[in-house]
PDB file of all heavy atoms in Angstrom:
ATOM      1  N   ARG A   1      10.222   2.720   4.068  1.00  0.00           N
ATOM      2  CA  ARG A   1       9.375   3.580   4.899  1.00  0.00           C
ATOM      3  C   ARG A   1       7.953   3.048   5.024  1.00  0.00           C
ATOM      4  O   ARG A   1       7.329   3.164   6.076  1.00  0.00           O
ATOM      5  CB  ARG A   1       9.386   5.000   4.334  1.00  0.00           C
ATOM      6  CG  ARG A   1       8.934   6.043   5.313  1.00  0.00           C
ATOM      7  CD  ARG A   1       9.919   6.269   6.455  1.00  0.00           C
ATOM      8  NE  ARG A   1      11.013   7.095   6.054  1.00  0.00           N
ATOM      9  CZ  ARG A   1      12.302   6.725   6.138  1.00  0.00           C
ATOM     10  NH1 ARG A   1      12.619   5.517   6.608  1.00  0.00           N
ATOM     11  NH2 ARG A   1      13.267   7.526   5.761  1.00  0.00           N
ATOM     12  N   ILE A   2       7.413   2.422   3.969  1.00  0.00           N
ATOM     13  CA  ILE A   2       6.052   1.918   4.052  1.00  0.00           C
ATOM     14  C   ILE A   2       5.949   0.788   5.071  1.00  0.00           C
ATOM     15  O   ILE A   2       4.972   0.656   5.800  1.00  0.00           O
ATOM     16  CB  ILE A   2       5.514   1.482   2.671  1.00  0.00           C
ATOM     17  CG1 ILE A   2       3.978   1.478   2.666  1.00  0.00           C
ATOM     18  CG2 ILE A   2       6.033   0.105   2.266  1.00  0.00           C
ATOM     19  CD1 ILE A   2       3.360   2.831   2.658  1.00  0.00           C
ATOM     20  N   ARG A   3       7.019  -0.027   5.172  1.00  0.00           N
ATOM     21  CA  ARG A   3       7.035  -1.089   6.185  1.00  0.00           C
ATOM     22  C   ARG A   3       7.172  -0.484   7.574  1.00  0.00           C
ATOM     23  O   ARG A   3       6.575  -0.976   8.553  1.00  0.00           O
ATOM     24  CB  ARG A   3       8.202  -2.046   5.909  1.00  0.00           C
ATOM     25  CG  ARG A   3       8.134  -2.748   4.582  1.00  0.00           C
ATOM     26  CD  ARG A   3       6.827  -3.482   4.349  1.00  0.00           C
ATOM     27  NE  ARG A   3       6.820  -4.275   3.137  1.00  0.00           N
ATOM     28  CZ  ARG A   3       5.717  -4.766   2.557  1.00  0.00           C
ATOM     29  NH1 ARG A   3       4.548  -4.516   3.071  1.00  0.00           N
ATOM     30  NH2 ARG A   3       5.813  -5.476   1.436  1.00  0.00           N
ATOM     31  N   GLU A   4       7.946   0.570   7.676  1.00  0.00           N
ATOM     32  CA  GLU A   4       8.078   1.264   8.965  1.00  0.00           C
ATOM     33  C   GLU A   4       6.741   1.875   9.375  1.00  0.00           C
ATOM     34  O   GLU A   4       6.351   1.804  10.554  1.00  0.00           O
ATOM     35  CB  GLU A   4       9.159   2.354   8.830  1.00  0.00           C
ATOM     36  CG  GLU A   4       9.499   3.062  10.108  1.00  0.00           C
ATOM     37  CD  GLU A   4      10.585   4.096   9.915  1.00  0.00           C
ATOM     38  OE1 GLU A   4      11.190   4.164   8.816  1.00  0.00           O
ATOM     39  OE2 GLU A   4      10.855   4.839  10.883  1.00  0.00           O
ATOM     40  N   LEU A   5       6.033   2.485   8.436  1.00  0.00           N
ATOM     41  CA  LEU A   5       4.729   3.051   8.729  1.00  0.00           C
ATOM     42  C   LEU A   5       3.780   1.984   9.267  1.00  0.00           C
ATOM     43  O   LEU A   5       3.030   2.222  10.216  1.00  0.00           O
ATOM     44  CB  LEU A   5       4.134   3.698   7.491  1.00  0.00           C
ATOM     45  CG  LEU A   5       4.649   5.110   7.144  1.00  0.00           C
ATOM     46  CD1 LEU A   5       4.328   5.498   5.707  1.00  0.00           C
ATOM     47  CD2 LEU A   5       4.078   6.139   8.108  1.00  0.00           C
ATOM     48  N   GLU A   6       3.817   0.823   8.646  1.00  0.00           N
ATOM     49  CA  GLU A   6       2.943  -0.268   9.087  1.00  0.00           C
ATOM     50  C   GLU A   6       3.365  -0.886  10.392  1.00  0.00           C
ATOM     51  O   GLU A   6       2.580  -1.005  11.339  1.00  0.00           O
ATOM     52  CB  GLU A   6       2.949  -1.389   8.019  1.00  0.00           C
ATOM     53  CG  GLU A   6       2.005  -1.177   6.865  1.00  0.00           C
ATOM     54  CD  GLU A   6       1.750  -2.500   6.182  1.00  0.00           C
ATOM     55  OE1 GLU A   6       2.692  -3.115   5.647  1.00  0.00           O
ATOM     56  OE2 GLU A   6       0.581  -2.927   6.207  1.00  0.00           O
ATOM     57  N   ASN A   7       4.612  -1.277  10.487  1.00  0.00           N
ATOM     58  CA  ASN A   7       5.061  -2.138  11.564  1.00  0.00           C
ATOM     59  C   ASN A   7       5.567  -1.396  12.807  1.00  0.00           C
ATOM     60  O   ASN A   7       5.558  -1.964  13.908  1.00  0.00           O
ATOM     61  CB  ASN A   7       6.171  -3.071  11.065  1.00  0.00           C
ATOM     62  CG  ASN A   7       5.694  -3.950   9.914  1.00  0.00           C
ATOM     63  OD1 ASN A   7       4.535  -4.338   9.876  1.00  0.00           O
ATOM     64  ND2 ASN A   7       6.573  -4.228   8.962  1.00  0.00           N
ATOM     65  N   GLU A   8       6.004  -0.150  12.639  1.00  0.00           N
ATOM     66  CA  GLU A   8       6.538   0.602  13.765  1.00  0.00           C
ATOM     67  C   GLU A   8       5.642   1.755  14.159  1.00  0.00           C
ATOM     68  O   GLU A   8       5.434   2.043  15.333  1.00  0.00           O
ATOM     69  CB  GLU A   8       7.935   1.090  13.463  1.00  0.00           C
ATOM     70  CG  GLU A   8       8.949  -0.033  13.249  1.00  0.00           C
ATOM     71  CD  GLU A   8      10.346   0.484  12.955  1.00  0.00           C
ATOM     72  OE1 GLU A   8      10.746   1.514  13.519  1.00  0.00           O
ATOM     73  OE2 GLU A   8      11.046  -0.170  12.152  1.00  0.00           O
ATOM     74  N   VAL A   9       5.121   2.468  13.158  1.00  0.00           N
ATOM     75  CA  VAL A   9       4.251   3.616  13.444  1.00  0.00           C
ATOM     76  C   VAL A   9       2.827   3.150  13.709  1.00  0.00           C
ATOM     77  O   VAL A   9       2.113   3.758  14.515  1.00  0.00           O
ATOM     78  CB  VAL A   9       4.306   4.621  12.270  1.00  0.00           C
ATOM     79  CG1 VAL A   9       3.356   5.792  12.510  1.00  0.00           C
ATOM     80  CG2 VAL A   9       5.753   5.139  12.088  1.00  0.00           C
ATOM     81  N   GLY A  10       2.385   2.076  13.066  1.00  0.00           N
ATOM     82  CA  GLY A  10       1.084   1.511  13.346  1.00  0.00           C
ATOM     83  C   GLY A  10      -0.006   1.883  12.379  1.00  0.00           C
ATOM     84  O   GLY A  10      -1.199   1.848  12.742  1.00  0.00           O
ATOM     85  N   CYS A  11       0.340   2.237  11.155  1.00  0.00           N
ATOM     86  CA  CYS A  11      -0.674   2.609  10.169  1.00  0.00           C
ATOM     87  C   CYS A  11      -1.407   1.387   9.627  1.00  0.00           C
ATOM     88  O   CYS A  11      -0.802   0.336   9.415  1.00  0.00           O
ATOM     89  CB  CYS A  11      -0.025   3.340   8.984  1.00  0.00           C
ATOM     90  SG  CYS A  11       0.625   4.978   9.397  1.00  0.00           S
ATOM     91  N   PHE A  12      -2.686   1.536   9.410  1.00  0.00           N
ATOM     92  CA  PHE A  12      -3.504   0.510   8.761  1.00  0.00           C
ATOM     93  C   PHE A  12      -3.867   0.990   7.370  1.00  0.00           C
ATOM     94  O   PHE A  12      -4.556   1.995   7.205  1.00  0.00           O
ATOM     95  CB  PHE A  12      -4.797   0.252   9.562  1.00  0.00           C
ATOM     96  CG  PHE A  12      -4.561  -0.485  10.858  1.00  0.00           C
ATOM     97  CD1 PHE A  12      -4.312   0.212  12.027  1.00  0.00           C
ATOM     98  CD2 PHE A  12      -4.586  -1.849  10.901  1.00  0.00           C
ATOM     99  CE1 PHE A  12      -4.101  -0.453  13.219  1.00  0.00           C
ATOM    100  CE2 PHE A  12      -4.372  -2.554  12.080  1.00  0.00           C
ATOM    101  CZ  PHE A  12      -4.120  -1.835  13.251  1.00  0.00           C
ATOM    102  N   PHE A  13      -3.372   0.281   6.352  1.00  0.00           N
ATOM    103  CA  PHE A  13      -3.701   0.591   4.969  1.00  0.00           C
ATOM    104  C   PHE A  13      -4.654  -0.466   4.409  1.00  0.00           C
ATOM    105  O   PHE A  13      -4.753  -1.581   4.939  1.00  0.00           O
ATOM    106  CB  PHE A  13      -2.434   0.674   4.119  1.00  0.00           C
ATOM    107  CG  PHE A  13      -1.472   1.723   4.569  1.00  0.00           C
ATOM    108  CD1 PHE A  13      -0.216   1.384   5.061  1.00  0.00           C
ATOM    109  CD2 PHE A  13      -1.798   3.075   4.489  1.00  0.00           C
ATOM    110  CE1 PHE A  13       0.694   2.366   5.467  1.00  0.00           C
ATOM    111  CE2 PHE A  13      -0.910   4.056   4.902  1.00  0.00           C
ATOM    112  CZ  PHE A  13       0.340   3.700   5.395  1.00  0.00           C
ATOM    113  N   ASP A  14      -5.343  -0.126   3.320  1.00  0.00           N
ATOM    114  CA  ASP A  14      -6.264  -1.075   2.695  1.00  0.00           C
ATOM    115  C   ASP A  14      -5.500  -2.270   2.151  1.00  0.00           C
ATOM    116  O   ASP A  14      -4.384  -2.131   1.656  1.00  0.00           O
ATOM    117  CB  ASP A  14      -7.042  -0.400   1.578  1.00  0.00           C
ATOM    118  CG  ASP A  14      -8.068   0.573   2.109  1.00  0.00           C
ATOM    119  OD1 ASP A  14      -8.143   0.783   3.346  1.00  0.00           O
ATOM    120  OD2 ASP A  14      -8.827   1.143   1.286  1.00  0.00           O
ATOM    121  N   ARG A  15      -6.157  -3.455   2.198  1.00  0.00           N
ATOM    122  CA  ARG A  15      -5.496  -4.689   1.764  1.00  0.00           C
ATOM    123  C   ARG A  15      -6.336  -5.440   0.767  1.00  0.00           C
ATOM    124  O   ARG A  15      -7.574  -5.290   0.682  1.00  0.00           O
ATOM    125  CB  ARG A  15      -5.207  -5.571   2.985  1.00  0.00           C
ATOM    126  CG  ARG A  15      -4.174  -4.972   3.922  1.00  0.00           C
ATOM    127  CD  ARG A  15      -3.819  -5.912   5.063  1.00  0.00           C
ATOM    128  NE  ARG A  15      -2.758  -5.303   5.872  1.00  0.00           N
ATOM    129  CZ  ARG A  15      -1.466  -5.385   5.612  1.00  0.00           C
ATOM    130  NH1 ARG A  15      -1.040  -6.069   4.547  1.00  0.00           N
ATOM    131  NH2 ARG A  15      -0.569  -4.822   6.381  1.00  0.00           N
ATOM    132  N   ASN A  16      -5.665  -6.284   0.037  1.00  0.00           N
ATOM    133  CA  ASN A  16      -6.335  -7.221  -0.872  1.00  0.00           C
ATOM    134  C   ASN A  16      -6.851  -8.410  -0.066  1.00  0.00           C
ATOM    135  O   ASN A  16      -6.447  -8.624   1.083  1.00  0.00           O
ATOM    136  CB  ASN A  16      -5.337  -7.712  -1.949  1.00  0.00           C
ATOM    137  CG  ASN A  16      -4.882  -6.586  -2.835  1.00  0.00           C
ATOM    138  OD1 ASN A  16      -5.684  -5.814  -3.372  1.00  0.00           O
ATOM    139  ND2 ASN A  16      -3.554  -6.442  -2.991  1.00  0.00           N
ATOM    140  N   PRO A  17      -7.715  -9.248  -0.684  1.00  0.00           N
ATOM    141  CA  PRO A  17      -8.220 -10.425   0.039  1.00  0.00           C
ATOM    142  C   PRO A  17      -7.130 -11.365   0.541  1.00  0.00           C
ATOM    143  O   PRO A  17      -7.304 -12.056   1.551  1.00  0.00           O
ATOM    144  CB  PRO A  17      -9.101 -11.118  -1.014  1.00  0.00           C
ATOM    145  CG  PRO A  17      -9.584 -10.008  -1.878  1.00  0.00           C
ATOM    146  CD  PRO A  17      -8.410  -9.062  -1.963  1.00  0.00           C
ATOM    147  N   ASP A  18      -5.945 -11.392  -0.145  1.00  0.00           N
ATOM    148  CA  ASP A  18      -4.870 -12.286   0.294  1.00  0.00           C
ATOM    149  C   ASP A  18      -4.014 -11.656   1.394  1.00  0.00           C
ATOM    150  O   ASP A  18      -3.028 -12.264   1.829  1.00  0.00           O
ATOM    151  CB  ASP A  18      -3.999 -12.689  -0.893  1.00  0.00           C
ATOM    152  CG  ASP A  18      -3.242 -11.506  -1.505  1.00  0.00           C
ATOM    153  OD1 ASP A  18      -3.390 -10.366  -1.022  1.00  0.00           O
ATOM    154  OD2 ASP A  18      -2.504 -11.744  -2.499  1.00  0.00           O
ATOM    155  N   GLY A  19      -4.372 -10.442   1.836  1.00  0.00           N
ATOM    156  CA  GLY A  19      -3.637  -9.801   2.926  1.00  0.00           C
ATOM    157  C   GLY A  19      -2.559  -8.842   2.474  1.00  0.00           C
ATOM    158  O   GLY A  19      -2.023  -8.101   3.294  1.00  0.00           O
ATOM    159  N   SER A  20      -2.211  -8.838   1.202  1.00  0.00           N
ATOM    160  CA  SER A  20      -1.201  -7.897   0.707  1.00  0.00           C
ATOM    161  C   SER A  20      -1.799  -6.496   0.634  1.00  0.00           C
ATOM    162  O   SER A  20      -3.016  -6.315   0.581  1.00  0.00           O
ATOM    163  CB  SER A  20      -0.715  -8.350  -0.664  1.00  0.00           C
ATOM    164  OG  SER A  20      -1.784  -8.368  -1.607  1.00  0.00           O
ATOM    165  N   LEU A  21      -0.902  -5.505   0.594  1.00  0.00           N
ATOM    166  CA  LEU A  21      -1.358  -4.134   0.518  1.00  0.00           C
ATOM    167  C   LEU A  21      -2.027  -3.854  -0.833  1.00  0.00           C
ATOM    168  O   LEU A  21      -1.485  -4.217  -1.869  1.00  0.00           O
ATOM    169  CB  LEU A  21      -0.185  -3.170   0.717  1.00  0.00           C
ATOM    170  CG  LEU A  21       0.365  -3.055   2.131  1.00  0.00           C
ATOM    171  CD1 LEU A  21       1.641  -2.228   2.158  1.00  0.00           C
ATOM    172  CD2 LEU A  21      -0.673  -2.409   3.047  1.00  0.00           C
ATOM    173  N   HIS A  22      -3.175  -3.217  -0.797  1.00  0.00           N
ATOM    174  CA  HIS A  22      -3.832  -2.843  -2.034  1.00  0.00           C
ATOM    175  C   HIS A  22      -3.151  -1.620  -2.620  1.00  0.00           C
ATOM    176  O   HIS A  22      -2.826  -0.684  -1.888  1.00  0.00           O
ATOM    177  CB  HIS A  22      -5.315  -2.535  -1.799  1.00  0.00           C
ATOM    178  CG  HIS A  22      -6.069  -2.191  -3.040  1.00  0.00           C
ATOM    179  ND1 HIS A  22      -6.296  -0.906  -3.433  1.00  0.00           N
ATOM    180  CD2 HIS A  22      -6.611  -2.982  -4.007  1.00  0.00           C
ATOM    181  CE1 HIS A  22      -6.969  -0.881  -4.592  1.00  0.00           C
ATOM    182  NE2 HIS A  22      -7.160  -2.150  -4.940  1.00  0.00           N
ATOM    183  N   GLN A  23      -2.945  -1.620  -3.906  1.00  0.00           N
ATOM    184  CA  GLN A  23      -2.304  -0.493  -4.576  1.00  0.00           C
ATOM    185  C   GLN A  23      -3.165  -0.100  -5.784  1.00  0.00           C
ATOM    186  O   GLN A  23      -3.470  -0.911  -6.637  1.00  0.00           O
ATOM    187  CB  GLN A  23      -0.892  -0.859  -5.032  1.00  0.00           C
ATOM    188  CG  GLN A  23       0.034  -1.092  -3.834  1.00  0.00           C
ATOM    189  CD  GLN A  23       1.427  -1.502  -4.284  1.00  0.00           C
ATOM    190  OE1 GLN A  23       1.674  -2.680  -4.532  1.00  0.00           O
ATOM    191  NE2 GLN A  23       2.332  -0.538  -4.346  1.00  0.00           N
ATOM    192  N   LYS A  24      -3.534   1.176  -5.801  1.00  0.00           N
ATOM    193  CA  LYS A  24      -4.465   1.638  -6.840  1.00  0.00           C
ATOM    194  C   LYS A  24      -3.735   2.420  -7.925  1.00  0.00           C
ATOM    195  O   LYS A  24      -2.569   2.764  -7.799  1.00  0.00           O
ATOM    196  CB  LYS A  24      -5.602   2.466  -6.236  1.00  0.00           C
ATOM    197  CG  LYS A  24      -5.155   3.740  -5.521  1.00  0.00           C
ATOM    198  CD  LYS A  24      -6.380   4.406  -4.888  1.00  0.00           C
ATOM    199  CE  LYS A  24      -5.964   5.626  -4.063  1.00  0.00           C
ATOM    200  NZ  LYS A  24      -7.130   6.272  -3.432  1.00  0.00           N
ATOM    201  N   ALA A  25      -4.460   2.726  -8.994  1.00  0.00           N
ATOM    202  CA  ALA A  25      -3.904   3.424 -10.147  1.00  0.00           C
ATOM    203  C   ALA A  25      -3.870   4.919  -9.873  1.00  0.00           C
ATOM    204  O   ALA A  25      -4.807   5.495  -9.338  1.00  0.00           O
ATOM    205  CB  ALA A  25      -4.769   3.150 -11.368  1.00  0.00           C
ATOM    206  N   PHE A  26      -2.743   5.514 -10.269  1.00  0.00           N
ATOM    207  CA  PHE A  26      -2.640   6.981 -10.265  1.00  0.00           C
ATOM    208  C   PHE A  26      -2.129   7.406 -11.632  1.00  0.00           C
ATOM    209  O   PHE A  26      -1.345   6.694 -12.279  1.00  0.00           O
ATOM    210  CB  PHE A  26      -1.664   7.438  -9.167  1.00  0.00           C
ATOM    211  CG  PHE A  26      -2.361   8.041  -7.971  1.00  0.00           C
ATOM    212  CD1 PHE A  26      -3.616   7.649  -7.603  1.00  0.00           C
ATOM    213  CD2 PHE A  26      -1.721   8.998  -7.199  1.00  0.00           C
ATOM    214  CE1 PHE A  26      -4.259   8.198  -6.485  1.00  0.00           C
ATOM    215  CE2 PHE A  26      -2.337   9.554  -6.095  1.00  0.00           C
ATOM    216  CZ  PHE A  26      -3.608   9.158  -5.737  1.00  0.00           C
ATOM    217  N   ALA A  27      -2.521   8.601 -12.035  1.00  0.00           N
ATOM    218  CA  ALA A  27      -2.208   9.084 -13.379  1.00  0.00           C
ATOM    219  C   ALA A  27      -0.696   9.248 -13.595  1.00  0.00           C
ATOM    220  O   ALA A  27       0.051   9.532 -12.659  1.00  0.00           O
ATOM    221  CB  ALA A  27      -2.909  10.417 -13.628  1.00  0.00           C
ATOM    222  N   GLY A  28      -0.287   9.004 -14.852  1.00  0.00           N
ATOM    223  CA  GLY A  28       1.102   9.257 -15.234  1.00  0.00           C
ATOM    224  C   GLY A  28       2.072   8.174 -14.796  1.00  0.00           C
ATOM    225  O   GLY A  28       3.291   8.394 -14.883  1.00  0.00           O
ATOM    226  N   GLN A  29       1.572   7.001 -14.357  1.00  0.00           N
ATOM    227  CA  GLN A  29       2.469   5.969 -13.876  1.00  0.00           C
ATOM    228  C   GLN A  29       2.211   4.655 -14.616  1.00  0.00           C
ATOM    229  O   GLN A  29       1.112   4.394 -15.067  1.00  0.00           O
ATOM    230  CB  GLN A  29       2.289   5.778 -12.382  1.00  0.00           C
ATOM    231  CG  GLN A  29       2.503   7.086 -11.610  1.00  0.00           C
ATOM    232  CD  GLN A  29       2.599   6.895 -10.124  1.00  0.00           C
ATOM    233  OE1 GLN A  29       3.475   6.218  -9.622  1.00  0.00           O
ATOM    234  NE2 GLN A  29       1.681   7.513  -9.387  1.00  0.00           N
ATOM    235  N   THR A  30       3.252   3.859 -14.736  1.00  0.00           N
ATOM    236  CA  THR A  30       3.185   2.632 -15.521  1.00  0.00           C
ATOM    237  C   THR A  30       2.913   1.401 -14.676  1.00  0.00           C
ATOM    238  O   THR A  30       3.073   0.275 -15.134  1.00  0.00           O
ATOM    239  CB  THR A  30       4.494   2.424 -16.331  1.00  0.00           C
ATOM    240  OG1 THR A  30       5.576   2.254 -15.419  1.00  0.00           O
ATOM    241  CG2 THR A  30       4.757   3.627 -17.232  1.00  0.00           C
ATOM    242  N   ALA A  31       2.511   1.616 -13.423  1.00  0.00           N
ATOM    243  CA  ALA A  31       2.118   0.515 -12.544  1.00  0.00           C
ATOM    244  C   ALA A  31       1.136   1.059 -11.520  1.00  0.00           C
ATOM    245  O   ALA A  31       1.178   2.238 -11.167  1.00  0.00           O
ATOM    246  CB  ALA A  31       3.331  -0.086 -11.848  1.00  0.00           C
ATOM    247  N   ASP A  32       0.274   0.195 -11.032  1.00  0.00           N
ATOM    248  CA  ASP A  32      -0.619   0.547  -9.954  1.00  0.00           C
ATOM    249  C   ASP A  32       0.144   0.355  -8.636  1.00  0.00           C
ATOM    250  O   ASP A  32       0.281  -0.768  -8.136  1.00  0.00           O
ATOM    251  CB  ASP A  32      -1.878  -0.326  -9.961  1.00  0.00           C
ATOM    252  CG  ASP A  32      -2.735  -0.112 -11.217  1.00  0.00           C
ATOM    253  OD1 ASP A  32      -2.471   0.862 -11.945  1.00  0.00           O
ATOM    254  OD2 ASP A  32      -3.643  -0.930 -11.456  1.00  0.00           O
ATOM    255  N   ARG A  33       0.654   1.465  -8.083  1.00  0.00           N
ATOM    256  CA  ARG A  33       1.564   1.341  -6.940  1.00  0.00           C
ATOM    257  C   ARG A  33       1.184   2.216  -5.755  1.00  0.00           C
ATOM    258  O   ARG A  33       1.978   2.354  -4.798  1.00  0.00           O
ATOM    259  CB  ARG A  33       2.988   1.691  -7.371  1.00  0.00           C
ATOM    260  CG  ARG A  33       3.204   3.140  -7.851  1.00  0.00           C
ATOM    261  CD  ARG A  33       4.698   3.478  -7.968  1.00  0.00           C
ATOM    262  NE  ARG A  33       5.360   2.679  -8.934  1.00  0.00           N
ATOM    263  CZ  ARG A  33       5.573   3.056 -10.218  1.00  0.00           C
ATOM    264  NH1 ARG A  33       5.179   4.222 -10.636  1.00  0.00           N
ATOM    265  NH2 ARG A  33       6.192   2.250 -11.050  1.00  0.00           N
ATOM    266  N   THR A  34      -0.015   2.769  -5.725  1.00  0.00           N
ATOM    267  CA  THR A  34      -0.350   3.719  -4.697  1.00  0.00           C
ATOM    268  C   THR A  34      -1.076   3.060  -3.525  1.00  0.00           C
ATOM    269  O   THR A  34      -2.245   2.706  -3.608  1.00  0.00           O
ATOM    270  CB  THR A  34      -1.222   4.858  -5.264  1.00  0.00           C
ATOM    271  OG1 THR A  34      -0.569   5.398  -6.417  1.00  0.00           O
ATOM    272  CG2 THR A  34      -1.410   5.960  -4.234  1.00  0.00           C
TER     273      THR A  34
END
């Protein structure tokens, strides 16, 4: 769904300098995946 949001729906999310999607920390999780 996140690829669909980007490529079909047209959402712009924050990115890292290398162009990958930026994912930040959220509580209660063992990876920065938000």
